[in-house]
């Protein structure tokens, strides 16, 4: 049983949440979930994250990690050599493409392939102007006092 949600009332009453509502709508439309290659997402610090993917059998040259705005794409394409004849093939070597939606200000810091695990380190780096800042409160004559202006009306002769 599948339930779909109508997000149109939220579009009418919210401003600036377009990306979040689009992501919710896209998540509700997912029909087929491919869980290969397996992966983990871990929070390693307050603003640090790590994605670890099991890509056994793939070399560095057969993998690509690309960040485009708020989308991280990891793809793998196995190079085929035609001179092997398999009697049994149990190691998955199929091509894959996995997409991860990234929040604003999250960027890829590095990627490493070791022992069949692809590790991608991410960091959320909020710009200085977006961070909370403390405003000093001064006492006394911080602002000069404005003198009231006097407006005089001329007497009109009748």
N, C-alpha and C. Protein backbone atom coordinates (compact mmCIF):
# COMPACT_ATOMS: atom_id res chain seq x y z
N UNK A 1 0.84 -1.17 0.00
CA UNK A 1 0.00 0.00 0.00
C UNK A 1 0.89 1.24 0.00
N UNK A 2 0.62 2.13 -0.89
CA UNK A 2 1.45 3.32 -1.04
C UNK A 2 0.59 4.55 -0.80
N UNK A 3 1.11 5.45 0.01
CA UNK A 3 0.40 6.68 0.30
C UNK A 3 1.19 7.85 -0.27
N UNK A 4 0.52 8.71 -1.00
CA UNK A 4 1.18 9.90 -1.52
C UNK A 4 0.60 11.12 -0.83
N UNK A 5 1.44 12.09 -0.60
CA UNK A 5 1.02 13.31 0.07
C UNK A 5 0.94 14.44 -0.94
N UNK A 6 -0.02 15.31 -0.74
CA UNK A 6 -0.18 16.48 -1.58
C UNK A 6 0.46 17.66 -0.86
N UNK A 7 1.56 18.16 -1.40
CA UNK A 7 2.28 19.27 -0.77
C UNK A 7 1.84 20.63 -1.29
N UNK A 8 0.86 20.68 -2.17
CA UNK A 8 0.46 21.96 -2.75
C UNK A 8 -0.02 22.98 -1.72
N UNK A 9 -0.71 22.60 -0.62
CA UNK A 9 -1.06 23.62 0.37
C UNK A 9 0.17 24.26 1.02
N UNK A 10 1.23 23.48 1.17
CA UNK A 10 2.45 24.05 1.75
C UNK A 10 3.13 25.02 0.79
N UNK A 11 3.04 24.76 -0.51
CA UNK A 11 3.60 25.70 -1.49
C UNK A 11 2.87 27.04 -1.44
N UNK A 12 1.57 27.01 -1.14
CA UNK A 12 0.79 28.26 -1.12
C UNK A 12 1.06 29.08 0.12
N UNK A 13 1.48 28.45 1.21
CA UNK A 13 1.58 29.18 2.47
C UNK A 13 3.00 29.31 3.00
N UNK A 14 4.00 28.97 2.21
CA UNK A 14 5.38 29.08 2.68
C UNK A 14 6.23 29.81 1.65
N UNK A 15 7.23 30.48 2.16
CA UNK A 15 8.15 31.21 1.29
C UNK A 15 9.56 30.77 1.62
N UNK A 16 10.33 30.39 0.61
CA UNK A 16 11.72 30.03 0.81
C UNK A 16 11.97 28.58 1.14
N UNK A 17 10.94 27.75 1.19
CA UNK A 17 11.10 26.34 1.50
C UNK A 17 10.98 25.47 0.26
N UNK A 18 11.14 26.05 -0.90
CA UNK A 18 10.93 25.35 -2.16
C UNK A 18 11.78 24.10 -2.27
N UNK A 19 13.07 24.21 -1.94
CA UNK A 19 13.98 23.07 -2.06
C UNK A 19 13.56 21.92 -1.16
N UNK A 20 13.17 22.25 0.08
CA UNK A 20 12.79 21.21 1.01
C UNK A 20 11.50 20.51 0.54
N UNK A 21 10.54 21.30 0.09
CA UNK A 21 9.29 20.70 -0.37
C UNK A 21 9.51 19.89 -1.64
N UNK A 22 10.38 20.37 -2.52
CA UNK A 22 10.71 19.59 -3.73
C UNK A 22 11.36 18.26 -3.35
N UNK A 23 12.25 18.29 -2.35
CA UNK A 23 12.91 17.07 -1.91
C UNK A 23 11.91 16.09 -1.31
N UNK A 24 10.96 16.59 -0.53
CA UNK A 24 9.93 15.72 0.04
C UNK A 24 9.06 15.12 -1.06
N UNK A 25 8.73 15.94 -2.04
CA UNK A 25 7.91 15.45 -3.15
C UNK A 25 8.66 14.40 -3.96
N UNK A 26 9.95 14.64 -4.20
CA UNK A 26 10.75 13.67 -4.96
C UNK A 26 10.91 12.37 -4.17
N UNK A 27 11.06 12.46 -2.85
CA UNK A 27 11.20 11.26 -2.03
C UNK A 27 9.92 10.44 -2.04
N UNK A 28 8.79 11.11 -2.15
CA UNK A 28 7.53 10.37 -2.16
C UNK A 28 7.28 9.69 -3.51
N UNK A 29 7.99 10.14 -4.56
CA UNK A 29 7.81 9.56 -5.89
C UNK A 29 8.73 8.37 -6.16
N UNK A 30 9.66 8.09 -5.27
CA UNK A 30 10.62 7.01 -5.50
C UNK A 30 9.88 5.68 -5.55
N UNK A 31 10.04 4.99 -6.65
CA UNK A 31 9.34 3.72 -6.83
C UNK A 31 10.28 2.53 -6.63
N UNK A 32 11.51 2.68 -7.10
CA UNK A 32 12.45 1.57 -7.06
C UNK A 32 13.65 2.00 -6.23
N UNK A 33 13.98 1.22 -5.23
CA UNK A 33 15.10 1.55 -4.38
C UNK A 33 16.20 0.53 -4.59
N UNK A 34 17.29 0.98 -5.17
CA UNK A 34 18.44 0.11 -5.40
C UNK A 34 19.40 0.30 -4.23
N UNK A 35 19.71 -0.76 -3.55
CA UNK A 35 20.58 -0.64 -2.38
C UNK A 35 22.00 -1.11 -2.66
N UNK A 36 22.41 -1.03 -3.91
CA UNK A 36 23.78 -1.42 -4.24
C UNK A 36 24.51 -0.26 -4.85
N UNK A 37 25.70 0.04 -4.50
CA UNK A 37 26.51 -0.58 -3.44
C UNK A 37 26.06 -0.12 -2.06
N UNK A 38 26.26 -0.96 -1.05
CA UNK A 38 25.86 -0.56 0.30
C UNK A 38 26.71 0.61 0.78
N UNK A 39 26.12 1.44 1.64
CA UNK A 39 26.83 2.62 2.13
C UNK A 39 26.38 2.96 3.54
N UNK A 40 27.20 3.71 4.24
CA UNK A 40 26.90 4.24 5.56
C UNK A 40 27.05 5.76 5.51
N UNK A 41 26.25 6.45 6.29
CA UNK A 41 26.40 7.89 6.47
C UNK A 41 26.58 8.11 7.97
N UNK A 42 27.68 8.75 8.35
CA UNK A 42 27.98 8.97 9.76
C UNK A 42 28.25 10.45 10.02
N UNK A 43 27.85 10.89 11.19
CA UNK A 43 28.17 12.26 11.63
C UNK A 43 29.41 12.16 12.50
N UNK A 44 30.52 12.73 12.03
CA UNK A 44 31.79 12.59 12.73
C UNK A 44 32.14 13.79 13.60
N UNK A 45 31.38 14.84 13.52
CA UNK A 45 31.60 16.04 14.31
C UNK A 45 30.37 16.90 14.24
N UNK A 46 30.44 18.08 14.84
CA UNK A 46 29.27 18.96 14.84
C UNK A 46 28.86 19.37 13.43
N UNK A 47 29.85 19.61 12.57
CA UNK A 47 29.58 20.02 11.19
C UNK A 47 30.28 19.11 10.19
N UNK A 48 30.66 17.89 10.60
CA UNK A 48 31.40 16.98 9.73
C UNK A 48 30.62 15.68 9.55
N UNK A 49 30.67 15.17 8.31
CA UNK A 49 29.96 13.95 7.96
C UNK A 49 30.88 13.06 7.13
N UNK A 50 30.55 11.76 7.09
CA UNK A 50 31.34 10.82 6.29
C UNK A 50 30.41 9.81 5.65
N UNK A 51 30.57 9.64 4.33
CA UNK A 51 29.86 8.61 3.59
C UNK A 51 30.87 7.53 3.25
N UNK A 52 30.56 6.29 3.60
CA UNK A 52 31.44 5.17 3.31
C UNK A 52 30.66 4.19 2.43
N UNK A 53 31.22 3.89 1.25
CA UNK A 53 30.58 2.97 0.30
C UNK A 53 31.46 1.75 0.09
N UNK A 54 30.84 0.59 0.04
CA UNK A 54 31.56 -0.65 -0.23
C UNK A 54 31.62 -0.85 -1.74
N UNK A 55 32.79 -0.62 -2.32
CA UNK A 55 32.97 -0.71 -3.77
C UNK A 55 34.08 -1.70 -4.09
N UNK A 56 34.00 -2.88 -3.52
CA UNK A 56 35.03 -3.90 -3.73
C UNK A 56 35.15 -4.24 -5.20
N UNK A 57 36.37 -4.32 -5.68
CA UNK A 57 36.62 -4.67 -7.08
C UNK A 57 36.77 -3.47 -8.00
N UNK A 58 36.43 -2.28 -7.53
CA UNK A 58 36.58 -1.07 -8.35
C UNK A 58 37.90 -0.38 -8.01
N UNK A 59 38.57 0.11 -9.04
CA UNK A 59 39.80 0.87 -8.82
C UNK A 59 39.47 2.36 -8.80
N UNK A 60 40.44 3.17 -8.43
CA UNK A 60 40.26 4.63 -8.40
C UNK A 60 39.84 5.18 -9.76
N UNK A 61 40.41 4.62 -10.83
CA UNK A 61 40.11 5.10 -12.17
C UNK A 61 38.70 4.75 -12.63
N UNK A 62 38.08 3.76 -12.00
CA UNK A 62 36.74 3.33 -12.39
C UNK A 62 35.64 4.02 -11.59
N UNK A 63 36.01 4.88 -10.64
CA UNK A 63 35.06 5.59 -9.79
C UNK A 63 35.14 7.09 -10.05
N UNK A 64 34.01 7.77 -9.90
CA UNK A 64 34.02 9.23 -9.99
C UNK A 64 33.11 9.80 -8.91
N UNK A 65 33.59 10.88 -8.29
CA UNK A 65 32.84 11.58 -7.26
C UNK A 65 32.70 13.01 -7.75
N UNK A 66 31.46 13.49 -7.88
CA UNK A 66 31.20 14.82 -8.43
C UNK A 66 30.20 15.54 -7.54
N UNK A 67 30.51 16.81 -7.24
CA UNK A 67 29.56 17.65 -6.51
C UNK A 67 29.09 18.77 -7.42
N UNK A 68 27.78 18.87 -7.58
CA UNK A 68 27.16 19.91 -8.39
C UNK A 68 26.14 20.60 -7.51
N UNK A 69 26.43 21.83 -7.11
CA UNK A 69 25.59 22.60 -6.18
C UNK A 69 25.27 21.75 -4.96
N UNK A 70 24.04 21.35 -4.76
CA UNK A 70 23.67 20.59 -3.56
C UNK A 70 23.46 19.11 -3.84
N UNK A 71 24.12 18.60 -4.86
CA UNK A 71 23.97 17.19 -5.22
C UNK A 71 25.37 16.55 -5.29
N UNK A 72 25.52 15.43 -4.61
CA UNK A 72 26.76 14.66 -4.67
C UNK A 72 26.46 13.40 -5.47
N UNK A 73 27.24 13.15 -6.52
CA UNK A 73 27.03 11.97 -7.36
C UNK A 73 28.28 11.09 -7.29
N UNK A 74 28.06 9.83 -6.99
CA UNK A 74 29.13 8.84 -6.98
C UNK A 74 28.78 7.80 -8.03
N UNK A 75 29.69 7.58 -8.96
CA UNK A 75 29.43 6.64 -10.05
C UNK A 75 30.60 5.68 -10.19
N UNK A 76 30.29 4.49 -10.63
CA UNK A 76 31.30 3.48 -10.87
C UNK A 76 31.02 2.75 -12.17
N UNK A 77 32.04 2.60 -12.99
CA UNK A 77 31.92 1.89 -14.27
C UNK A 77 33.11 0.96 -14.38
N UNK A 78 32.85 -0.31 -14.32
CA UNK A 78 33.91 -1.32 -14.37
C UNK A 78 34.41 -1.46 -15.80
N UNK A 79 35.72 -1.43 -15.96
CA UNK A 79 36.29 -1.66 -17.29
C UNK A 79 36.29 -3.16 -17.55
N UNK A 80 35.82 -3.53 -18.69
CA UNK A 80 35.67 -4.95 -19.04
C UNK A 80 36.83 -5.40 -19.92
N UNK A 81 37.35 -6.54 -19.56
CA UNK A 81 38.34 -7.16 -20.44
C UNK A 81 37.69 -8.44 -20.98
N UNK A 82 37.68 -8.56 -22.27
CA UNK A 82 36.95 -9.64 -22.93
C UNK A 82 37.66 -10.98 -22.96
N UNK A 83 38.86 -11.10 -22.42
CA UNK A 83 39.60 -12.34 -22.53
C UNK A 83 39.37 -13.29 -21.35
N UNK A 84 38.44 -12.96 -20.42
CA UNK A 84 38.16 -13.84 -19.28
C UNK A 84 36.88 -14.62 -19.53
N UNK A 85 36.90 -15.88 -19.12
CA UNK A 85 35.70 -16.69 -19.21
C UNK A 85 35.36 -17.13 -17.79
N UNK A 86 34.20 -16.72 -17.31
CA UNK A 86 33.80 -17.00 -15.94
C UNK A 86 33.01 -18.31 -15.89
N UNK A 87 33.35 -19.15 -14.94
CA UNK A 87 32.56 -20.33 -14.64
C UNK A 87 31.51 -19.98 -13.59
N UNK A 88 31.84 -19.07 -12.71
CA UNK A 88 30.90 -18.54 -11.72
C UNK A 88 31.28 -17.08 -11.47
N UNK A 89 30.28 -16.21 -11.47
CA UNK A 89 30.55 -14.80 -11.24
C UNK A 89 29.72 -14.35 -10.03
N UNK A 90 30.36 -14.19 -8.89
CA UNK A 90 29.67 -13.82 -7.65
C UNK A 90 30.02 -12.43 -7.17
N UNK A 91 31.08 -11.85 -7.71
CA UNK A 91 31.48 -10.50 -7.30
C UNK A 91 30.77 -9.50 -8.21
N UNK A 92 29.98 -8.65 -7.59
CA UNK A 92 29.22 -7.65 -8.36
C UNK A 92 30.18 -6.65 -8.98
N UNK A 93 30.04 -6.44 -10.25
CA UNK A 93 30.88 -5.47 -10.96
C UNK A 93 30.05 -4.58 -11.85
N UNK A 94 28.76 -4.50 -11.57
CA UNK A 94 27.89 -3.70 -12.43
C UNK A 94 28.09 -2.22 -12.19
N UNK A 95 27.76 -1.46 -13.20
CA UNK A 95 27.88 -0.01 -13.10
C UNK A 95 26.82 0.51 -12.13
N UNK A 96 27.14 1.61 -11.46
CA UNK A 96 26.19 2.20 -10.53
C UNK A 96 26.34 3.72 -10.54
N UNK A 97 25.29 4.36 -10.08
CA UNK A 97 25.31 5.80 -9.85
C UNK A 97 24.44 6.07 -8.63
N UNK A 98 25.03 6.64 -7.62
CA UNK A 98 24.33 6.94 -6.37
C UNK A 98 24.34 8.45 -6.18
N UNK A 99 23.19 9.01 -5.83
CA UNK A 99 23.06 10.47 -5.64
C UNK A 99 22.72 10.74 -4.18
N UNK A 100 23.35 11.78 -3.64
CA UNK A 100 23.08 12.22 -2.28
C UNK A 100 22.72 13.70 -2.33
N UNK A 101 21.59 14.05 -1.76
CA UNK A 101 21.15 15.44 -1.68
C UNK A 101 21.88 16.07 -0.50
N UNK A 102 22.59 17.17 -0.75
CA UNK A 102 23.35 17.84 0.30
C UNK A 102 22.62 19.10 0.75
N UNK A 103 22.73 19.40 2.02
CA UNK A 103 22.15 20.63 2.55
C UNK A 103 22.98 21.83 2.09
N UNK A 104 22.43 23.01 2.28
CA UNK A 104 23.16 24.22 1.92
C UNK A 104 24.46 24.30 2.71
N UNK A 105 25.49 24.77 2.07
CA UNK A 105 26.83 25.01 2.65
C UNK A 105 27.58 23.73 3.01
N UNK A 106 27.13 22.56 2.52
CA UNK A 106 27.88 21.33 2.73
C UNK A 106 28.75 21.10 1.50
N UNK A 107 30.04 20.87 1.74
CA UNK A 107 30.96 20.65 0.62
C UNK A 107 31.80 19.41 0.88
N UNK A 108 32.29 18.83 -0.21
CA UNK A 108 33.15 17.65 -0.12
C UNK A 108 34.56 18.11 0.22
N UNK A 109 35.11 17.54 1.28
CA UNK A 109 36.45 17.89 1.72
C UNK A 109 37.48 16.95 1.11
N UNK A 110 37.13 15.68 0.94
CA UNK A 110 38.07 14.72 0.38
C UNK A 110 37.42 13.37 0.15
N UNK A 111 38.09 12.54 -0.64
CA UNK A 111 37.62 11.18 -0.90
C UNK A 111 38.83 10.25 -0.89
N UNK A 112 38.63 9.05 -0.38
CA UNK A 112 39.72 8.09 -0.25
C UNK A 112 39.20 6.69 -0.54
N UNK A 113 39.99 5.91 -1.28
CA UNK A 113 39.64 4.52 -1.57
C UNK A 113 40.70 3.63 -0.91
N UNK A 114 40.23 2.80 0.02
CA UNK A 114 41.15 1.94 0.73
C UNK A 114 40.43 0.65 1.13
N UNK A 115 41.04 -0.49 0.81
CA UNK A 115 40.50 -1.81 1.16
C UNK A 115 39.06 -2.01 0.68
N UNK A 116 38.75 -1.52 -0.50
CA UNK A 116 37.42 -1.71 -1.08
C UNK A 116 36.36 -0.78 -0.54
N UNK A 117 36.74 0.20 0.29
CA UNK A 117 35.80 1.16 0.84
C UNK A 117 36.13 2.56 0.33
N UNK A 118 35.15 3.20 -0.27
CA UNK A 118 35.28 4.59 -0.71
C UNK A 118 34.73 5.46 0.40
N UNK A 119 35.58 6.33 0.94
CA UNK A 119 35.22 7.21 2.04
C UNK A 119 35.19 8.64 1.53
N UNK A 120 34.05 9.32 1.70
CA UNK A 120 33.90 10.70 1.26
C UNK A 120 33.63 11.54 2.50
N UNK A 121 34.50 12.51 2.75
CA UNK A 121 34.35 13.38 3.91
C UNK A 121 33.66 14.67 3.48
N UNK A 122 32.68 15.07 4.27
CA UNK A 122 31.88 16.27 3.99
C UNK A 122 31.97 17.21 5.18
N UNK A 123 31.83 18.49 4.89
CA UNK A 123 31.87 19.49 5.95
C UNK A 123 30.85 20.58 5.65
N UNK A 124 30.11 20.98 6.67
CA UNK A 124 29.19 22.10 6.53
C UNK A 124 29.94 23.35 6.96
N UNK A 125 30.10 24.26 6.03
CA UNK A 125 30.86 25.49 6.28
C UNK A 125 29.93 26.68 6.08
N UNK A 126 29.42 27.19 7.18
CA UNK A 126 28.48 28.31 7.12
C UNK A 126 29.27 29.60 6.96
N UNK A 127 28.90 30.46 5.98
CA UNK A 127 29.61 31.72 5.80
C UNK A 127 29.49 32.60 7.05
N UNK A 128 30.49 33.43 7.26
CA UNK A 128 30.53 34.31 8.43
C UNK A 128 29.27 35.16 8.56
N UNK A 129 28.78 35.69 7.45
CA UNK A 129 27.61 36.57 7.52
C UNK A 129 26.34 35.81 7.92
N UNK A 130 26.35 34.46 7.82
CA UNK A 130 25.19 33.67 8.20
C UNK A 130 25.26 33.17 9.64
N UNK A 131 26.44 33.25 10.26
CA UNK A 131 26.60 32.77 11.63
C UNK A 131 26.01 33.79 12.61
N UNK A 132 25.51 33.31 13.74
CA UNK A 132 25.01 34.23 14.75
C UNK A 132 26.16 35.08 15.30
N UNK A 133 25.88 36.31 15.57
CA UNK A 133 26.91 37.18 16.13
C UNK A 133 26.34 37.96 17.29
N UNK A 134 27.18 38.27 18.23
CA UNK A 134 26.76 38.99 19.42
C UNK A 134 26.87 40.48 19.16
N UNK A 135 25.85 41.21 19.54
CA UNK A 135 25.81 42.65 19.38
C UNK A 135 26.09 43.27 20.74
N UNK A 136 27.10 44.12 20.81
CA UNK A 136 27.45 44.80 22.06
C UNK A 136 26.40 45.84 22.39
N UNK A 137 26.02 45.88 23.64
CA UNK A 137 25.08 46.88 24.13
C UNK A 137 25.89 47.92 24.88
N UNK A 138 25.81 49.15 24.44
CA UNK A 138 26.57 50.22 25.09
C UNK A 138 25.68 50.97 26.05
N UNK A 139 26.28 51.59 27.02
CA UNK A 139 25.54 52.37 28.01
C UNK A 139 25.87 53.84 27.79
N UNK A 140 24.94 54.68 28.08
CA UNK A 140 25.20 56.12 27.98
C UNK A 140 24.85 56.67 26.63
N UNK A 141 25.68 57.58 26.17
CA UNK A 141 25.41 58.34 24.95
C UNK A 141 25.96 57.62 23.72
N UNK A 142 25.35 56.51 23.39
CA UNK A 142 25.79 55.78 22.21
C UNK A 142 25.37 56.49 20.94
N UNK A 143 24.16 57.02 20.93
CA UNK A 143 23.66 57.73 19.76
C UNK A 143 23.45 59.18 20.12
N UNK A 144 23.83 60.10 19.26
CA UNK A 144 23.59 61.52 19.57
C UNK A 144 22.09 61.80 19.59
N UNK A 145 21.73 62.63 20.54
CA UNK A 145 20.31 62.95 20.67
C UNK A 145 19.92 63.93 19.58
N UNK A 146 18.84 63.64 18.91
CA UNK A 146 18.39 64.50 17.81
C UNK A 146 17.59 65.66 18.37
N UNK A 147 17.89 66.84 17.90
CA UNK A 147 17.13 68.03 18.29
C UNK A 147 15.83 68.05 17.52
N UNK A 148 14.72 68.32 18.20
CA UNK A 148 13.46 68.40 17.46
C UNK A 148 13.45 69.62 16.54
N UNK A 149 12.91 69.47 15.37
CA UNK A 149 12.84 70.57 14.42
C UNK A 149 11.57 71.37 14.71
N UNK A 150 11.69 72.65 14.56
CA UNK A 150 10.57 73.52 14.80
C UNK A 150 10.02 73.99 13.47
N UNK A 151 8.77 73.77 13.29
CA UNK A 151 8.14 74.20 12.04
C UNK A 151 7.21 75.36 12.38
N UNK A 152 7.43 76.44 11.70
CA UNK A 152 6.59 77.62 11.95
C UNK A 152 5.78 77.89 10.71
N UNK A 153 4.52 78.16 10.95
CA UNK A 153 3.62 78.48 9.86
C UNK A 153 3.54 80.00 9.73
N UNK A 154 3.56 80.49 8.54
CA UNK A 154 3.44 81.94 8.33
C UNK A 154 1.98 82.33 8.44
N UNK A 155 1.77 83.43 9.02
CA UNK A 155 0.41 83.92 9.14
C UNK A 155 -0.02 84.48 7.79
N UNK A 156 -1.17 84.09 7.36
CA UNK A 156 -1.66 84.58 6.06
C UNK A 156 -2.65 85.71 6.28
N UNK A 157 -2.52 86.71 5.48
CA UNK A 157 -3.42 87.83 5.56
C UNK A 157 -4.69 87.52 4.82
N UNK A 158 -5.82 87.92 5.43
CA UNK A 158 -7.08 87.62 4.79
C UNK A 158 -7.62 88.78 4.01
